[in-house]
N, C-alpha and C. Protein backbone atom coordinates (compact mmCIF):
# COMPACT_ATOMS: atom_id res chain seq x y z
N MET A 1 162.40 44.05 149.52
CA MET A 1 161.40 43.48 150.38
C MET A 1 161.94 42.16 150.92
N THR A 2 161.77 41.98 152.20
CA THR A 2 162.26 40.73 152.79
C THR A 2 161.17 39.70 152.98
N SER A 3 159.92 40.17 153.18
CA SER A 3 158.83 39.20 153.33
C SER A 3 157.47 39.86 153.10
N GLN A 4 156.52 39.02 152.76
CA GLN A 4 155.12 39.41 152.64
C GLN A 4 154.30 38.34 153.33
N LYS A 5 153.26 38.79 154.03
CA LYS A 5 152.41 37.82 154.74
C LYS A 5 150.96 38.26 154.63
N LEU A 6 150.09 37.32 154.26
CA LEU A 6 148.66 37.57 154.25
C LEU A 6 148.18 37.59 155.70
N LEU A 7 147.68 38.76 156.13
CA LEU A 7 147.24 38.89 157.52
C LEU A 7 145.79 38.51 157.72
N GLU A 8 144.96 38.89 156.76
CA GLU A 8 143.54 38.57 156.92
C GLU A 8 142.82 38.66 155.59
N LYS A 9 141.69 37.99 155.56
CA LYS A 9 140.73 38.10 154.47
C LYS A 9 139.46 38.64 155.10
N ALA A 10 139.03 39.80 154.66
CA ALA A 10 137.83 40.41 155.21
C ALA A 10 136.78 40.50 154.11
N VAL A 11 135.55 40.15 154.43
CA VAL A 11 134.45 40.23 153.47
C VAL A 11 133.63 41.47 153.80
N ILE A 12 133.58 42.40 152.83
CA ILE A 12 132.84 43.65 153.00
C ILE A 12 131.93 43.81 151.79
N ASP A 13 130.64 43.92 152.04
CA ASP A 13 129.64 44.06 150.98
C ASP A 13 129.81 42.98 149.90
N GLY A 14 130.11 41.75 150.33
CA GLY A 14 130.24 40.63 149.40
C GLY A 14 131.57 40.54 148.70
N GLU A 15 132.46 41.49 148.90
CA GLU A 15 133.79 41.51 148.27
C GLU A 15 134.83 41.04 149.29
N THR A 16 135.66 40.08 148.89
CA THR A 16 136.72 39.61 149.77
C THR A 16 137.96 40.46 149.55
N LEU A 17 138.44 41.07 150.63
CA LEU A 17 139.65 41.89 150.58
C LEU A 17 140.77 41.16 151.31
N HIS A 18 141.96 41.23 150.75
CA HIS A 18 143.14 40.58 151.31
C HIS A 18 144.07 41.67 151.85
N VAL A 19 144.41 41.58 153.13
CA VAL A 19 145.35 42.52 153.74
C VAL A 19 146.70 41.83 153.84
N VAL A 20 147.72 42.45 153.20
CA VAL A 20 149.06 41.86 153.13
C VAL A 20 150.05 42.80 153.83
N ARG A 21 150.89 42.22 154.69
CA ARG A 21 151.93 42.99 155.37
C ARG A 21 153.27 42.72 154.69
N SER A 22 154.01 43.79 154.40
CA SER A 22 155.34 43.67 153.80
C SER A 22 156.39 44.20 154.76
N THR A 23 157.51 43.52 154.81
CA THR A 23 158.66 43.97 155.59
C THR A 23 159.76 44.30 154.58
N TRP A 24 160.46 45.39 154.85
CA TRP A 24 161.46 45.88 153.90
C TRP A 24 162.86 45.82 154.49
N ARG A 25 163.80 45.49 153.64
CA ARG A 25 165.21 45.52 154.02
C ARG A 25 165.64 47.00 154.05
N ASP A 26 166.44 47.38 154.99
CA ASP A 26 166.96 48.75 155.10
C ASP A 26 165.88 49.80 155.29
N ALA A 27 164.75 49.43 155.83
CA ALA A 27 163.68 50.40 156.11
C ALA A 27 162.98 50.01 157.40
N ALA A 28 162.78 51.00 158.23
CA ALA A 28 162.08 50.75 159.49
C ALA A 28 160.58 50.66 159.24
N GLY A 29 159.90 49.90 160.05
CA GLY A 29 158.45 49.83 159.95
C GLY A 29 157.95 48.78 158.97
N LEU A 30 156.64 48.73 158.86
CA LEU A 30 155.97 47.77 157.99
C LEU A 30 155.08 48.51 157.01
N SER A 31 154.73 47.85 155.93
CA SER A 31 153.77 48.39 154.96
C SER A 31 152.60 47.42 154.88
N PHE A 32 151.41 47.98 154.69
CA PHE A 32 150.21 47.17 154.57
C PHE A 32 149.53 47.52 153.25
N ASP A 33 149.21 46.50 152.47
CA ASP A 33 148.51 46.69 151.20
C ASP A 33 147.24 45.88 151.21
N VAL A 34 146.26 46.36 150.44
CA VAL A 34 144.96 45.72 150.38
C VAL A 34 144.66 45.38 148.93
N TYR A 35 144.22 44.14 148.69
CA TYR A 35 143.90 43.66 147.35
C TYR A 35 142.48 43.13 147.33
N GLY A 36 141.81 43.34 146.20
CA GLY A 36 140.48 42.78 146.01
C GLY A 36 140.58 41.32 145.62
N SER A 37 139.45 40.65 145.53
CA SER A 37 139.44 39.23 145.18
C SER A 37 139.95 38.99 143.76
N ASP A 38 139.91 40.03 142.91
CA ASP A 38 140.42 39.90 141.55
C ASP A 38 141.91 40.19 141.45
N GLY A 39 142.55 40.47 142.58
CA GLY A 39 143.98 40.75 142.61
C GLY A 39 144.33 42.21 142.41
N ALA A 40 143.33 43.04 142.13
CA ALA A 40 143.60 44.46 141.93
C ALA A 40 143.94 45.11 143.27
N GLY A 41 144.98 45.91 143.27
CA GLY A 41 145.39 46.59 144.48
C GLY A 41 144.53 47.79 144.80
N LEU A 42 144.07 47.89 146.02
CA LEU A 42 143.29 49.05 146.46
C LEU A 42 144.20 50.11 147.06
N THR A 43 145.47 49.75 147.26
CA THR A 43 146.44 50.69 147.81
C THR A 43 147.64 50.82 146.87
N ASP A 44 147.41 50.71 145.55
CA ASP A 44 148.50 50.72 144.58
C ASP A 44 149.37 51.97 144.65
N ASP A 45 148.76 53.12 144.83
CA ASP A 45 149.53 54.35 144.80
C ASP A 45 150.14 54.70 146.16
N ARG A 46 149.75 54.00 147.20
CA ARG A 46 150.31 54.26 148.51
C ARG A 46 150.02 53.08 149.44
N SER A 47 151.05 52.57 150.06
CA SER A 47 150.86 51.54 151.08
C SER A 47 150.46 52.24 152.38
N LEU A 48 149.81 51.50 153.24
CA LEU A 48 149.44 52.04 154.55
C LEU A 48 150.55 51.75 155.55
N ASP A 49 150.74 52.65 156.50
CA ASP A 49 151.74 52.47 157.54
C ASP A 49 151.17 51.77 158.76
N TYR A 50 149.91 51.40 158.70
CA TYR A 50 149.22 50.78 159.83
C TYR A 50 148.29 49.70 159.30
N ARG A 51 147.96 48.74 160.17
CA ARG A 51 147.02 47.70 159.77
C ARG A 51 145.63 48.32 159.67
N PRO A 52 144.99 48.19 158.50
CA PRO A 52 143.70 48.86 158.32
C PRO A 52 142.58 48.20 159.13
N SER A 53 141.71 49.06 159.66
CA SER A 53 140.52 48.59 160.38
C SER A 53 139.45 48.22 159.35
N LEU A 54 138.36 47.66 159.82
CA LEU A 54 137.25 47.35 158.90
C LEU A 54 136.69 48.62 158.27
N ASP A 55 136.66 49.72 159.02
CA ASP A 55 136.21 50.99 158.44
C ASP A 55 137.17 51.47 157.35
N ASP A 56 138.48 51.30 157.57
CA ASP A 56 139.47 51.66 156.55
C ASP A 56 139.25 50.82 155.28
N LEU A 57 139.04 49.52 155.48
CA LEU A 57 138.83 48.62 154.34
C LEU A 57 137.56 49.01 153.57
N ARG A 58 136.51 49.34 154.29
CA ARG A 58 135.26 49.76 153.66
C ARG A 58 135.49 51.03 152.84
N GLY A 59 136.24 51.98 153.38
CA GLY A 59 136.56 53.22 152.67
C GLY A 59 137.39 52.97 151.42
N LEU A 60 138.38 52.09 151.51
CA LEU A 60 139.20 51.75 150.34
C LEU A 60 138.36 51.09 149.25
N LEU A 61 137.46 50.19 149.66
CA LEU A 61 136.60 49.52 148.69
C LEU A 61 135.67 50.51 148.01
N GLU A 62 135.06 51.41 148.78
CA GLU A 62 134.18 52.42 148.20
C GLU A 62 134.93 53.31 147.23
N GLN A 63 136.15 53.71 147.60
CA GLN A 63 136.96 54.56 146.72
C GLN A 63 137.31 53.81 145.43
N ALA A 64 137.65 52.53 145.56
CA ALA A 64 138.01 51.74 144.38
C ALA A 64 136.82 51.57 143.43
N GLN A 65 135.63 51.46 143.99
CA GLN A 65 134.44 51.30 143.16
C GLN A 65 134.09 52.60 142.44
N LEU A 66 134.47 53.73 143.01
CA LEU A 66 134.18 55.02 142.39
C LEU A 66 135.26 55.46 141.42
N THR A 67 136.48 55.04 141.65
CA THR A 67 137.61 55.51 140.88
C THR A 67 137.83 54.64 139.64
N ALA A 68 137.87 55.28 138.50
CA ALA A 68 138.17 54.57 137.26
C ALA A 68 139.65 54.76 136.96
N HIS A 69 140.24 53.78 136.34
CA HIS A 69 141.64 53.89 135.93
C HIS A 69 141.69 54.30 134.46
N PHE A 70 142.74 55.04 134.11
CA PHE A 70 142.94 55.48 132.74
C PHE A 70 144.29 55.01 132.26
N CYS A 71 144.36 54.65 130.98
CA CYS A 71 145.60 54.16 130.38
C CYS A 71 146.64 55.29 130.36
N ARG A 72 147.84 54.99 130.80
CA ARG A 72 148.92 55.98 130.82
C ARG A 72 149.38 56.37 129.43
N PHE A 73 149.08 55.54 128.41
CA PHE A 73 149.56 55.80 127.05
C PHE A 73 148.52 56.52 126.19
N CYS A 74 147.29 56.01 126.15
CA CYS A 74 146.28 56.59 125.26
C CYS A 74 145.23 57.41 126.01
N GLY A 75 145.18 57.29 127.34
CA GLY A 75 144.24 58.05 128.14
C GLY A 75 142.83 57.47 128.20
N LYS A 76 142.61 56.33 127.54
CA LYS A 76 141.29 55.70 127.53
C LYS A 76 140.95 55.15 128.92
N GLN A 77 139.66 55.29 129.32
CA GLN A 77 139.22 54.72 130.59
C GLN A 77 139.26 53.20 130.50
N ILE A 78 139.76 52.57 131.55
CA ILE A 78 139.88 51.12 131.59
C ILE A 78 138.69 50.56 132.36
N PRO A 79 137.87 49.73 131.73
CA PRO A 79 136.71 49.17 132.42
C PRO A 79 137.13 48.35 133.64
N LYS A 80 136.32 48.42 134.70
CA LYS A 80 136.61 47.67 135.92
C LYS A 80 136.63 46.16 135.68
N THR A 81 135.98 45.72 134.59
CA THR A 81 135.91 44.29 134.30
C THR A 81 137.19 43.77 133.65
N ASP A 82 138.07 44.66 133.16
CA ASP A 82 139.33 44.24 132.56
C ASP A 82 140.28 43.77 133.65
N PRO A 83 141.11 42.77 133.33
CA PRO A 83 142.10 42.36 134.33
C PRO A 83 143.12 43.48 134.54
N PRO A 84 143.67 43.60 135.75
CA PRO A 84 144.62 44.68 136.01
C PRO A 84 145.90 44.50 135.21
N ARG A 85 146.29 45.54 134.51
CA ARG A 85 147.56 45.56 133.78
C ARG A 85 148.34 46.76 134.28
N ILE A 86 149.39 46.50 135.04
CA ILE A 86 150.16 47.57 135.65
C ILE A 86 151.58 47.52 135.07
N VAL A 87 152.03 48.67 134.61
CA VAL A 87 153.37 48.78 134.04
C VAL A 87 154.37 48.73 135.20
N SER A 88 155.19 47.68 135.22
CA SER A 88 156.07 47.47 136.36
C SER A 88 157.17 48.52 136.46
N MET A 89 157.53 49.13 135.35
CA MET A 89 158.62 50.12 135.39
C MET A 89 158.12 51.55 135.57
N ALA A 90 156.84 51.72 135.87
CA ALA A 90 156.30 53.07 136.08
C ALA A 90 156.93 53.68 137.33
N ASP A 91 157.32 54.93 137.23
CA ASP A 91 157.92 55.63 138.36
C ASP A 91 156.87 55.85 139.45
N ASN A 92 157.31 55.87 140.70
CA ASN A 92 156.41 56.17 141.82
C ASN A 92 155.73 57.50 141.57
N GLY A 93 154.45 57.57 141.88
CA GLY A 93 153.70 58.80 141.72
C GLY A 93 153.16 59.01 140.32
N THR A 94 153.43 58.07 139.41
CA THR A 94 152.89 58.18 138.06
C THR A 94 151.80 57.14 137.86
N ASN A 95 151.00 57.31 136.84
CA ASN A 95 149.92 56.38 136.53
C ASN A 95 150.52 55.07 136.01
N PRO A 96 150.31 53.95 136.72
CA PRO A 96 150.88 52.68 136.28
C PRO A 96 149.97 51.85 135.37
N TRP A 97 148.73 52.32 135.11
CA TRP A 97 147.72 51.50 134.43
C TRP A 97 147.89 51.53 132.92
N CYS A 98 147.59 50.39 132.29
CA CYS A 98 147.68 50.26 130.84
C CYS A 98 146.46 49.49 130.34
N CYS A 99 145.83 49.98 129.25
CA CYS A 99 144.66 49.29 128.70
C CYS A 99 145.10 48.10 127.85
N ALA A 100 144.14 47.25 127.50
CA ALA A 100 144.43 46.05 126.71
C ALA A 100 144.99 46.40 125.33
N ASP A 101 144.51 47.49 124.74
CA ASP A 101 144.97 47.87 123.40
C ASP A 101 146.43 48.29 123.38
N CYS A 102 146.90 48.92 124.44
CA CYS A 102 148.27 49.41 124.50
C CYS A 102 149.24 48.41 125.15
N TRP A 103 148.69 47.37 125.80
CA TRP A 103 149.53 46.46 126.57
C TRP A 103 150.47 45.67 125.68
N ASP A 104 151.68 45.49 126.17
CA ASP A 104 152.70 44.66 125.55
C ASP A 104 153.36 43.90 126.69
N ASP A 105 153.58 42.60 126.54
CA ASP A 105 154.13 41.79 127.64
C ASP A 105 155.49 42.29 128.13
N ARG A 106 156.18 43.08 127.32
CA ARG A 106 157.48 43.62 127.77
C ARG A 106 157.29 44.68 128.85
N LEU A 107 156.06 45.20 129.00
CA LEU A 107 155.80 46.20 130.05
C LEU A 107 155.71 45.58 131.42
N TRP A 108 155.51 44.26 131.48
CA TRP A 108 155.37 43.57 132.75
C TRP A 108 156.65 43.60 133.47
């Protein structure tokens, strides 16, 4: 990655969403990611190839509120109130989430 830039902060249903644009070395195009006010990624499993509209942001927020994360190690559901713990070495397309009980700082 060569750069990241915060493009906008949008407030939807009282939640502040951060839209971040990433530029990549040796790759054409841009990537757009969306984060909640708690830092949790709403596009963790896939970046967007386009700047999201307000309707896109609303859809991502609704999906995030409905979707629960599960620990990749023990399978336990991770409460939405827990801080995000993402295993940095998780392969693309795999579950990167880890619960507090299984977390070890070496996974960061």
